[in-house]
Amino acid sequence: MWRRGPQQITAGTEAEFAFLADDDAVTASYRGELTDFGEGTAGRTLALTIDGVNLQLMMPHNPGAASTLNYSLEIAGRDTGTALRAISLHRRLLEDGRFHVSVAGHVVCIGNLTENTSDEASRDLADLRELVLDLEAVQRHCERYFPVPLEIPARERVLLRLARRLVDGSSVINPFAKSLRCTLNGTGAPVLRDLLGSAGLFQATQPNCPVTIGGHTLDLGPVRIFHPRITVDDAAKALAALDTGDFAGLELTLRPADGQCYRVILDSALETIPPEQPVPPAPYALDGYTEPA
């Protein structure tokens, strides 16, 4: 239903899309800008842009005819906070409910939304929201802020969730870490002999944990790489070198047992975990992604 405001409506004016309860109380509202207003013989057209959501409301003059609301979501190039607001607005537009649009503080139309979604569309929107939440958390941890990329390939999506788990203080299996190559410096023979002689626990600290997302590299900080059972390629050859005492420069390849992957956790998270407490890996919980072992 159209309500003529007390002044002429012009593009560039502040506008608001508000969602209403049954008693017309505002339950949520989003501010943006009026981008277009037109009035012809058949009806009126009102266009707004709000935080990456473009809306077009077409209202016939005939009070018995249904109005049409078109909208699209564009979050690429926007900061994560703006993108999350856009996703929330888009989600609400898919549901049943009453709304009104105000321009310059005056309500100019009021109407009802009809549910227009599917299980697949809802999942896609939920997945998009999770992606932006992951990016927001990792950016905040690294204090590196950049807009939401236009595209995040599948590999980067997995790395972004890995980074989110780490900054949340969890350990996680790194599906891209199936082996670790190191060069010996000629010291620590007893420890090395124990390592080579049994498939036991291995852990090492890496001073940096860089993750590249959308062309931006974020360093999560010092990270502990570990696995409860590892094997060493050519262990017999390495043991023979230890026996001679001449093993400086020897290269070793260490692999988790049974074809598994290394686990990682930020050193800062270990500061709050008792040494005897197990740190089971957190799941990725990404739709369509098989959890690594």
C-alpha atoms as a PDB file:
ATOM      1  CA  MET A   1       0.000   0.000   0.000  1.00  0.00           C
ATOM      2  CA  TRP A   2       1.402   3.349  -1.070  1.00  0.00           C
ATOM      3  CA  ARG A   3       1.522   6.348   1.246  1.00  0.00           C
ATOM      4  CA  ARG A   4       2.471   9.688  -0.236  1.00  0.00           C
ATOM      5  CA  GLY A   5       5.111  11.419   1.884  1.00  0.00           C
ATOM      6  CA  PRO A   6       4.990  15.072   2.850  1.00  0.00           C
ATOM      7  CA  GLN A   7       7.742  16.000   0.347  1.00  0.00           C
ATOM      8  CA  GLN A   8       8.938  15.123  -3.119  1.00  0.00           C
ATOM      9  CA  ILE A   9      10.838  11.845  -3.302  1.00  0.00           C
ATOM     10  CA  THR A  10      14.231  12.111  -4.986  1.00  0.00           C
ATOM     11  CA  ALA A  11      17.140   9.735  -5.568  1.00  0.00           C
ATOM     12  CA  GLY A  12      19.956   9.998  -3.046  1.00  0.00           C
ATOM     13  CA  THR A  13      17.597  10.443  -0.097  1.00  0.00           C
ATOM     14  CA  GLU A  14      18.112   8.300   3.007  1.00  0.00           C
ATOM     15  CA  ALA A  15      15.753   5.326   3.062  1.00  0.00           C
ATOM     16  CA  GLU A  16      14.947   2.491   5.447  1.00  0.00           C
ATOM     17  CA  PHE A  17      13.449  -0.963   5.012  1.00  0.00           C
ATOM     18  CA  ALA A  18      11.853  -2.166   8.245  1.00  0.00           C
ATOM     19  CA  PHE A  19      10.325  -5.524   9.202  1.00  0.00           C
ATOM     20  CA  LEU A  20       7.212  -5.429  11.351  1.00  0.00           C
ATOM     21  CA  ALA A  21       5.491  -7.610  13.932  1.00  0.00           C
ATOM     22  CA  ASP A  22       1.745  -8.250  13.742  1.00  0.00           C
ATOM     23  CA  ASP A  23       1.159  -5.115  15.828  1.00  0.00           C
ATOM     24  CA  ASP A  24       3.388  -3.087  13.432  1.00  0.00           C
ATOM     25  CA  ALA A  25       6.232  -2.830  15.960  1.00  0.00           C
ATOM     26  CA  VAL A  26       9.601  -2.739  14.188  1.00  0.00           C
ATOM     27  CA  THR A  27      11.502  -6.011  14.667  1.00  0.00           C
ATOM     28  CA  ALA A  28      14.472  -5.164  12.410  1.00  0.00           C
ATOM     29  CA  SER A  29      15.435  -2.268  10.166  1.00  0.00           C
ATOM     30  CA  TYR A  30      18.132  -1.557   7.592  1.00  0.00           C
ATOM     31  CA  ARG A  31      19.191   1.887   6.399  1.00  0.00           C
ATOM     32  CA  GLY A  32      20.320   2.693   2.898  1.00  0.00           C
ATOM     33  CA  GLU A  33      19.659   5.070   0.061  1.00  0.00           C
ATOM     34  CA  LEU A  34      16.876   5.645  -2.431  1.00  0.00           C
ATOM     35  CA  THR A  35      18.394   5.154  -5.875  1.00  0.00           C
ATOM     36  CA  ASP A  36      15.341   5.673  -8.081  1.00  0.00           C
ATOM     37  CA  PHE A  37      11.677   6.650  -7.977  1.00  0.00           C
ATOM     38  CA  GLY A  38       9.348   6.676 -10.908  1.00  0.00           C
ATOM     39  CA  GLU A  39       5.597   7.099 -11.390  1.00  0.00           C
ATOM     40  CA  GLY A  40       3.673   6.310 -14.573  1.00  0.00           C
ATOM     41  CA  THR A  41       0.241   5.410 -15.806  1.00  0.00           C
ATOM     42  CA  ALA A  42       0.440   1.829 -14.515  1.00  0.00           C
ATOM     43  CA  GLY A  43       2.043   2.419 -11.138  1.00  0.00           C
ATOM     44  CA  ARG A  44       5.123   3.420  -9.169  1.00  0.00           C
ATOM     45  CA  THR A  45       8.645   2.034  -8.908  1.00  0.00           C
ATOM     46  CA  LEU A  46      10.834   2.510  -5.849  1.00  0.00           C
ATOM     47  CA  ALA A  47      14.485   1.361  -5.830  1.00  0.00           C
ATOM     48  CA  LEU A  48      16.846   1.227  -2.848  1.00  0.00           C
ATOM     49  CA  THR A  49      20.349   0.007  -2.122  1.00  0.00           C
ATOM     50  CA  ILE A  50      21.137  -1.189   1.402  1.00  0.00           C
ATOM     51  CA  ASP A  51      24.496  -2.678   2.410  1.00  0.00           C
ATOM     52  CA  GLY A  52      24.925  -4.607  -0.839  1.00  0.00           C
ATOM     53  CA  VAL A  53      21.267  -5.528  -1.319  1.00  0.00           C
ATOM     54  CA  ASN A  54      19.536  -3.873  -4.287  1.00  0.00           C
ATOM     55  CA  LEU A  55      15.754  -3.687  -3.984  1.00  0.00           C
ATOM     56  CA  GLN A  56      13.118  -2.667  -6.524  1.00  0.00           C
ATOM     57  CA  LEU A  57       9.494  -2.372  -5.432  1.00  0.00           C
ATOM     58  CA  MET A  58       6.894  -2.094  -8.229  1.00  0.00           C
ATOM     59  CA  MET A  59       3.445  -0.993  -7.048  1.00  0.00           C
ATOM     60  CA  PRO A  60       0.454  -0.848  -9.432  1.00  0.00           C
ATOM     61  CA  HIS A  61      -2.042   1.984  -9.072  1.00  0.00           C
ATOM     62  CA  ASN A  62      -4.785  -0.641  -9.008  1.00  0.00           C
ATOM     63  CA  PRO A  63      -5.247  -1.398  -5.260  1.00  0.00           C
ATOM     64  CA  GLY A  64      -6.432  -4.910  -6.096  1.00  0.00           C
ATOM     65  CA  ALA A  65      -3.238  -5.845  -7.990  1.00  0.00           C
ATOM     66  CA  ALA A  66      -0.235  -7.386  -6.250  1.00  0.00           C
ATOM     67  CA  SER A  67       3.010  -5.449  -5.941  1.00  0.00           C
ATOM     68  CA  THR A  68       6.351  -7.010  -6.885  1.00  0.00           C
ATOM     69  CA  LEU A  69       9.586  -6.863  -4.900  1.00  0.00           C
ATOM     70  CA  ASN A  70      12.806  -7.746  -6.729  1.00  0.00           C
ATOM     71  CA  TYR A  71      16.129  -7.921  -4.923  1.00  0.00           C
ATOM     72  CA  SER A  72      19.693  -9.088  -5.405  1.00  0.00           C
ATOM     73  CA  LEU A  73      22.666  -9.633  -3.111  1.00  0.00           C
ATOM     74  CA  GLU A  74      26.144  -8.255  -3.900  1.00  0.00           C
ATOM     75  CA  ILE A  75      28.696  -8.504  -1.084  1.00  0.00           C
ATOM     76  CA  ALA A  76      31.983  -8.722  -3.014  1.00  0.00           C
ATOM     77  CA  GLY A  77      34.107  -5.653  -2.355  1.00  0.00           C
ATOM     78  CA  ARG A  78      32.384  -4.822   0.936  1.00  0.00           C
ATOM     79  CA  ASP A  79      33.789  -5.150   4.434  1.00  0.00           C
ATOM     80  CA  THR A  80      32.692  -8.175   6.446  1.00  0.00           C
ATOM     81  CA  GLY A  81      30.394  -6.208   8.754  1.00  0.00           C
ATOM     82  CA  THR A  82      28.487  -4.708   5.833  1.00  0.00           C
ATOM     83  CA  ALA A  83      28.366  -8.096   4.107  1.00  0.00           C
ATOM     84  CA  LEU A  84      26.862  -9.758   7.188  1.00  0.00           C
ATOM     85  CA  ARG A  85      24.147  -7.089   7.395  1.00  0.00           C
ATOM     86  CA  ALA A  86      23.371  -7.631   3.707  1.00  0.00           C
ATOM     87  CA  ILE A  87      23.070 -11.387   4.220  1.00  0.00           C
ATOM     88  CA  SER A  88      20.766 -10.883   7.219  1.00  0.00           C
ATOM     89  CA  LEU A  89      18.563  -8.527   5.199  1.00  0.00           C
ATOM     90  CA  HIS A  90      18.454 -10.957   2.293  1.00  0.00           C
ATOM     91  CA  ARG A  91      17.479 -13.799   4.639  1.00  0.00           C
ATOM     92  CA  ARG A  92      14.577 -11.793   6.058  1.00  0.00           C
ATOM     93  CA  LEU A  93      13.356 -10.897   2.581  1.00  0.00           C
ATOM     94  CA  LEU A  94      12.899 -14.606   1.859  1.00  0.00           C
ATOM     95  CA  GLU A  95      10.472 -15.065   4.757  1.00  0.00           C
ATOM     96  CA  ASP A  96       6.815 -14.211   5.380  1.00  0.00           C
ATOM     97  CA  GLY A  97       6.137 -10.962   7.196  1.00  0.00           C
ATOM     98  CA  ARG A  98       5.043  -7.361   7.133  1.00  0.00           C
ATOM     99  CA  PHE A  99       7.308  -4.470   6.184  1.00  0.00           C
ATOM    100  CA  HIS A 100       7.372  -0.796   5.480  1.00  0.00           C
ATOM    101  CA  VAL A 101       9.690   1.477   3.527  1.00  0.00           C
ATOM    102  CA  SER A 102      10.416   4.979   4.742  1.00  0.00           C
ATOM    103  CA  VAL A 103      12.150   7.802   2.881  1.00  0.00           C
ATOM    104  CA  ALA A 104      13.624  10.748   4.773  1.00  0.00           C
ATOM    105  CA  GLY A 105      11.944   9.455   7.926  1.00  0.00           C
ATOM    106  CA  HIS A 106       8.434   9.185   6.426  1.00  0.00           C
ATOM    107  CA  VAL A 107       6.732   5.852   5.711  1.00  0.00           C
ATOM    108  CA  VAL A 108       5.873   5.770   1.990  1.00  0.00           C
ATOM    109  CA  CYS A 109       4.677   2.179   1.607  1.00  0.00           C
ATOM    110  CA  ILE A 110       3.669  -0.797   3.676  1.00  0.00           C
ATOM    111  CA  GLY A 111       3.065  -4.383   2.642  1.00  0.00           C
ATOM    112  CA  ASN A 112       3.402  -8.117   3.220  1.00  0.00           C
ATOM    113  CA  LEU A 113       6.160 -10.449   2.090  1.00  0.00           C
ATOM    114  CA  THR A 114       5.374 -13.954   0.866  1.00  0.00           C
ATOM    115  CA  GLU A 115       7.865 -16.704   1.641  1.00  0.00           C
ATOM    116  CA  ASN A 116      10.040 -17.235  -1.428  1.00  0.00           C
ATOM    117  CA  THR A 117      12.800 -19.712  -0.685  1.00  0.00           C
ATOM    118  CA  SER A 118      13.859 -23.347  -0.904  1.00  0.00           C
ATOM    119  CA  ASP A 119      15.958 -25.612   1.271  1.00  0.00           C
ATOM    120  CA  GLU A 120      18.837 -25.277  -1.200  1.00  0.00           C
ATOM    121  CA  ALA A 121      18.651 -21.467  -1.255  1.00  0.00           C
ATOM    122  CA  SER A 122      18.539 -21.366   2.536  1.00  0.00           C
ATOM    123  CA  ARG A 123      21.605 -23.625   2.767  1.00  0.00           C
ATOM    124  CA  ASP A 124      23.491 -21.522   0.219  1.00  0.00           C
ATOM    125  CA  LEU A 125      22.750 -18.360   2.187  1.00  0.00           C
ATOM    126  CA  ALA A 126      23.768 -20.040   5.459  1.00  0.00           C
ATOM    127  CA  ASP A 127      27.028 -21.228   3.847  1.00  0.00           C
ATOM    128  CA  LEU A 128      27.738 -17.705   2.611  1.00  0.00           C
ATOM    129  CA  ARG A 129      27.134 -16.293   6.073  1.00  0.00           C
ATOM    130  CA  GLU A 130      29.511 -18.869   7.602  1.00  0.00           C
ATOM    131  CA  LEU A 131      32.187 -17.922   5.081  1.00  0.00           C
ATOM    132  CA  VAL A 132      31.952 -14.222   5.942  1.00  0.00           C
ATOM    133  CA  LEU A 133      31.922 -14.992   9.683  1.00  0.00           C
ATOM    134  CA  ASP A 134      35.097 -17.064   9.233  1.00  0.00           C
ATOM    135  CA  LEU A 135      36.745 -14.232   7.308  1.00  0.00           C
ATOM    136  CA  GLU A 136      35.697 -11.678   9.926  1.00  0.00           C
ATOM    137  CA  ALA A 137      37.179 -13.740  12.792  1.00  0.00           C
ATOM    138  CA  VAL A 138      40.487 -14.375  11.002  1.00  0.00           C
ATOM    139  CA  GLN A 139      40.846 -10.729   9.946  1.00  0.00           C
ATOM    140  CA  ARG A 140      40.197  -9.595  13.505  1.00  0.00           C
ATOM    141  CA  HIS A 141      42.812 -12.011  14.883  1.00  0.00           C
ATOM    142  CA  CYS A 142      45.454 -10.890  12.371  1.00  0.00           C
ATOM    143  CA  GLU A 143      44.391  -7.220  12.333  1.00  0.00           C
ATOM    144  CA  ARG A 144      44.390  -7.396   8.549  1.00  0.00           C
ATOM    145  CA  TYR A 145      41.202  -6.020   7.051  1.00  0.00           C
ATOM    146  CA  PHE A 146      40.143  -6.195   3.402  1.00  0.00           C
ATOM    147  CA  PRO A 147      36.864  -6.483   1.478  1.00  0.00           C
ATOM    148  CA  VAL A 148      35.101  -9.768   0.822  1.00  0.00           C
ATOM    149  CA  PRO A 149      36.740 -11.264  -2.318  1.00  0.00           C
ATOM    150  CA  LEU A 150      34.696 -11.746  -5.475  1.00  0.00           C
ATOM    151  CA  GLU A 151      35.548 -15.448  -5.419  1.00  0.00           C
ATOM    152  CA  ILE A 152      37.070 -17.875  -2.908  1.00  0.00           C
ATOM    153  CA  PRO A 153      38.153 -21.188  -4.498  1.00  0.00           C
ATOM    154  CA  ALA A 154      37.394 -24.470  -2.729  1.00  0.00           C
ATOM    155  CA  ARG A 155      40.968 -24.877  -1.435  1.00  0.00           C
ATOM    156  CA  GLU A 156      40.950 -21.377   0.074  1.00  0.00           C
ATOM    157  CA  ARG A 157      37.550 -22.044   1.631  1.00  0.00           C
ATOM    158  CA  VAL A 158      39.008 -25.056   3.442  1.00  0.00           C
ATOM    159  CA  LEU A 159      42.039 -23.015   4.541  1.00  0.00           C
ATOM    160  CA  LEU A 160      39.782 -20.228   5.780  1.00  0.00           C
ATOM    161  CA  ARG A 161      37.813 -22.666   7.962  1.00  0.00           C
ATOM    162  CA  LEU A 162      41.123 -24.153   9.189  1.00  0.00           C
ATOM    163  CA  ALA A 163      42.265 -20.654  10.152  1.00  0.00           C
ATOM    164  CA  ARG A 164      38.938 -19.960  11.892  1.00  0.00           C
ATOM    165  CA  ARG A 165      39.275 -23.105  13.978  1.00  0.00           C
ATOM    166  CA  LEU A 166      42.803 -22.118  14.949  1.00  0.00           C
ATOM    167  CA  VAL A 167      41.979 -18.553  15.995  1.00  0.00           C
ATOM    168  CA  ASP A 168      39.077 -19.946  18.046  1.00  0.00           C
ATOM    169  CA  GLY A 169      41.659 -21.937  20.029  1.00  0.00           C
ATOM    170  CA  SER A 170      40.977 -25.392  18.602  1.00  0.00           C
ATOM    171  CA  SER A 171      43.312 -27.935  17.094  1.00  0.00           C
ATOM    172  CA  VAL A 172      42.504 -29.019  13.560  1.00  0.00           C
ATOM    173  CA  ILE A 173      43.704 -31.536  10.990  1.00  0.00           C
ATOM    174  CA  ASN A 174      45.513 -29.843   8.107  1.00  0.00           C
ATOM    175  CA  PRO A 175      44.505 -31.813   4.982  1.00  0.00           C
ATOM    176  CA  PHE A 176      47.375 -30.232   3.051  1.00  0.00           C
ATOM    177  CA  ALA A 177      50.062 -31.403   5.503  1.00  0.00           C
ATOM    178  CA  LYS A 178      50.746 -35.053   4.762  1.00  0.00           C
ATOM    179  CA  SER A 179      54.518 -34.917   5.262  1.00  0.00           C
ATOM    180  CA  LEU A 180      57.181 -32.779   6.881  1.00  0.00           C
ATOM    181  CA  ARG A 181      60.734 -32.506   5.565  1.00  0.00           C
ATOM    182  CA  CYS A 182      63.536 -31.363   7.845  1.00  0.00           C
ATOM    183  CA  THR A 183      67.338 -31.073   7.689  1.00  0.00           C
ATOM    184  CA  LEU A 184      69.333 -32.254  10.705  1.00  0.00           C
ATOM    185  CA  ASN A 185      71.991 -30.008  12.244  1.00  0.00           C
ATOM    186  CA  GLY A 186      74.078 -32.809  13.759  1.00  0.00           C
ATOM    187  CA  THR A 187      72.810 -32.526  17.348  1.00  0.00           C
ATOM    188  CA  GLY A 188      70.184 -34.318  19.447  1.00  0.00           C
ATOM    189  CA  ALA A 189      71.186 -37.880  18.556  1.00  0.00           C
ATOM    190  CA  PRO A 190      69.349 -39.578  21.495  1.00  0.00           C
ATOM    191  CA  VAL A 191      66.059 -37.866  20.687  1.00  0.00           C
ATOM    192  CA  LEU A 192      66.447 -38.656  17.011  1.00  0.00           C
ATOM    193  CA  ARG A 193      67.188 -42.292  17.746  1.00  0.00           C
ATOM    194  CA  ASP A 194      63.973 -42.584  19.774  1.00  0.00           C
ATOM    195  CA  LEU A 195      62.050 -40.908  16.963  1.00  0.00           C
ATOM    196  CA  LEU A 196      63.486 -43.223  14.316  1.00  0.00           C
ATOM    197  CA  GLY A 197      63.015 -46.340  16.396  1.00  0.00           C
ATOM    198  CA  SER A 198      59.274 -46.077  17.047  1.00  0.00           C
ATOM    199  CA  ALA A 199      56.139 -44.592  15.522  1.00  0.00           C
ATOM    200  CA  GLY A 200      55.545 -42.235  18.411  1.00  0.00           C
ATOM    201  CA  LEU A 201      54.469 -38.674  19.075  1.00  0.00           C
ATOM    202  CA  PHE A 202      56.048 -35.884  17.057  1.00  0.00           C
ATOM    203  CA  GLN A 203      55.598 -32.162  17.532  1.00  0.00           C
ATOM    204  CA  ALA A 204      57.371 -29.044  16.326  1.00  0.00           C
ATOM    205  CA  THR A 205      56.725 -25.308  16.467  1.00  0.00           C
ATOM    206  CA  GLN A 206      56.623 -23.190  13.352  1.00  0.00           C
ATOM    207  CA  PRO A 207      57.092 -19.441  13.980  1.00  0.00           C
ATOM    208  CA  ASN A 208      54.587 -18.401  11.327  1.00  0.00           C
ATOM    209  CA  CYS A 209      51.325 -19.786   9.995  1.00  0.00           C
ATOM    210  CA  PRO A 210      50.495 -17.886   6.783  1.00  0.00           C
ATOM    211  CA  VAL A 211      47.139 -18.382   5.072  1.00  0.00           C
ATOM    212  CA  THR A 212      46.338 -16.715   1.744  1.00  0.00           C
ATOM    213  CA  ILE A 213      42.721 -15.741   1.088  1.00  0.00           C
ATOM    214  CA  GLY A 214      41.675 -13.746  -1.955  1.00  0.00           C
ATOM    215  CA  GLY A 215      45.237 -12.673  -2.656  1.00  0.00           C
ATOM    216  CA  HIS A 216      45.827 -11.479   0.917  1.00  0.00           C
ATOM    217  CA  THR A 217      48.246 -13.354   3.183  1.00  0.00           C
ATOM    218  CA  LEU A 218      47.338 -13.453   6.863  1.00  0.00           C
ATOM    219  CA  ASP A 219      49.815 -14.729   9.453  1.00  0.00           C
ATOM    220  CA  LEU A 220      48.083 -16.499  12.332  1.00  0.00           C
ATOM    221  CA  GLY A 221      51.267 -16.568  14.430  1.00  0.00           C
ATOM    222  CA  PRO A 222      53.334 -19.413  15.940  1.00  0.00           C
ATOM    223  CA  VAL A 223      51.722 -22.802  15.415  1.00  0.00           C
ATOM    224  CA  ARG A 224      52.377 -26.269  16.842  1.00  0.00           C
ATOM    225  CA  ILE A 225      52.473 -29.096  14.284  1.00  0.00           C
ATOM    226  CA  PHE A 226      51.957 -32.551  15.758  1.00  0.00           C
ATOM    227  CA  HIS A 227      50.693 -36.090  15.366  1.00  0.00           C
ATOM    228  CA  PRO A 228      50.490 -38.921  17.917  1.00  0.00           C
ATOM    229  CA  ARG A 229      52.096 -41.466  15.563  1.00  0.00           C
ATOM    230  CA  ILE A 230      54.596 -40.692  12.819  1.00  0.00           C
ATOM    231  CA  THR A 231      56.860 -42.726  10.555  1.00  0.00           C
ATOM    232  CA  VAL A 232      60.167 -41.707   8.951  1.00  0.00           C
ATOM    233  CA  ASP A 233      61.095 -42.478   5.365  1.00  0.00           C
ATOM    234  CA  ASP A 234      64.318 -44.529   5.109  1.00  0.00           C
ATOM    235  CA  ALA A 235      64.559 -44.791   8.905  1.00  0.00           C
ATOM    236  CA  ALA A 236      67.216 -47.544   8.661  1.00  0.00           C
ATOM    237  CA  LYS A 237      69.461 -45.291   6.563  1.00  0.00           C
ATOM    238  CA  ALA A 238      69.026 -42.456   9.065  1.00  0.00           C
ATOM    239  CA  LEU A 239      69.851 -44.767  11.993  1.00  0.00           C
ATOM    240  CA  ALA A 240      73.018 -45.885  10.225  1.00  0.00           C
ATOM    241  CA  ALA A 241      74.072 -42.261   9.851  1.00  0.00           C
ATOM    242  CA  LEU A 242      73.431 -41.690  13.558  1.00  0.00           C
ATOM    243  CA  ASP A 243      75.671 -44.654  14.358  1.00  0.00           C
ATOM    244  CA  THR A 244      78.549 -43.011  12.487  1.00  0.00           C
ATOM    245  CA  GLY A 245      77.944 -39.698  14.261  1.00  0.00           C
ATOM    246  CA  ASP A 246      78.015 -37.912  10.914  1.00  0.00           C
ATOM    247  CA  PHE A 247      74.403 -36.882  10.316  1.00  0.00           C
ATOM    248  CA  ALA A 248      74.610 -33.094   9.935  1.00  0.00           C
ATOM    249  CA  GLY A 249      72.781 -32.113   6.740  1.00  0.00           C
ATOM    250  CA  LEU A 250      70.825 -35.364   6.623  1.00  0.00           C
ATOM    251  CA  GLU A 251      67.267 -34.783   5.356  1.00  0.00           C
ATOM    252  CA  LEU A 252      64.346 -36.622   6.912  1.00  0.00           C
ATOM    253  CA  THR A 253      60.770 -36.949   5.700  1.00  0.00           C
ATOM    254  CA  LEU A 254      58.286 -37.517   8.516  1.00  0.00           C
ATOM    255  CA  ARG A 255      54.744 -38.688   7.806  1.00  0.00           C
ATOM    256  CA  PRO A 256      51.759 -39.310  10.060  1.00  0.00           C
ATOM    257  CA  ALA A 257      50.998 -43.014  10.349  1.00  0.00           C
ATOM    258  CA  ASP A 258      48.314 -44.713   8.238  1.00  0.00           C
ATOM    259  CA  GLY A 259      48.351 -42.008   5.564  1.00  0.00           C
ATOM    260  CA  GLN A 260      46.856 -39.422   7.894  1.00  0.00           C
ATOM    261  CA  CYS A 261      47.576 -35.681   8.045  1.00  0.00           C
ATOM    262  CA  TYR A 262      49.326 -33.507  10.612  1.00  0.00           C
ATOM    263  CA  ARG A 263      47.336 -31.644  13.226  1.00  0.00           C
ATOM    264  CA  VAL A 264      47.943 -28.016  14.123  1.00  0.00           C
ATOM    265  CA  ILE A 265      47.096 -25.673  16.983  1.00  0.00           C
ATOM    266  CA  LEU A 266      48.230 -22.150  17.759  1.00  0.00           C
ATOM    267  CA  ASP A 267      50.884 -21.893  20.449  1.00  0.00           C
ATOM    268  CA  SER A 268      48.797 -19.213  22.146  1.00  0.00           C
ATOM    269  CA  ALA A 269      45.956 -21.732  22.589  1.00  0.00           C
ATOM    270  CA  LEU A 270      48.299 -24.235  24.255  1.00  0.00           C
ATOM    271  CA  GLU A 271      49.106 -21.684  26.952  1.00  0.00           C
ATOM    272  CA  THR A 272      45.642 -22.199  28.453  1.00  0.00           C
ATOM    273  CA  ILE A 273      45.505 -26.001  28.058  1.00  0.00           C
ATOM    274  CA  PRO A 274      47.042 -28.281  30.740  1.00  0.00           C
ATOM    275  CA  PRO A 275      49.850 -30.441  29.270  1.00  0.00           C
ATOM    276  CA  GLU A 276      48.016 -33.662  30.158  1.00  0.00           C
ATOM    277  CA  GLN A 277      44.733 -32.580  28.546  1.00  0.00           C
ATOM    278  CA  PRO A 278      43.987 -34.135  25.131  1.00  0.00           C
ATOM    279  CA  VAL A 279      43.377 -31.738  22.250  1.00  0.00           C
ATOM    280  CA  PRO A 280      41.105 -33.588  19.800  1.00  0.00           C
ATOM    281  CA  PRO A 281      40.797 -31.919  16.401  1.00  0.00           C
ATOM    282  CA  ALA A 282      37.710 -29.824  15.727  1.00  0.00           C
ATOM    283  CA  PRO A 283      35.651 -30.789  12.660  1.00  0.00           C
ATOM    284  CA  TYR A 284      35.537 -28.540   9.602  1.00  0.00           C
ATOM    285  CA  ALA A 285      31.750 -28.896   9.320  1.00  0.00           C
ATOM    286  CA  LEU A 286      31.696 -27.587   5.754  1.00  0.00           C
ATOM    287  CA  ASP A 287      28.748 -28.634   3.620  1.00  0.00           C
ATOM    288  CA  GLY A 288      29.872 -31.219   1.057  1.00  0.00           C
ATOM    289  CA  TYR A 289      33.408 -31.515   2.450  1.00  0.00           C
ATOM    290  CA  THR A 290      34.754 -34.851   3.683  1.00  0.00           C
ATOM    291  CA  GLU A 291      36.478 -34.534   7.034  1.00  0.00           C
ATOM    292  CA  PRO A 292      40.226 -35.299   6.790  1.00  0.00           C
ATOM    293  CA  ALA A 293      41.904 -38.011   8.851  1.00  0.00           C
END
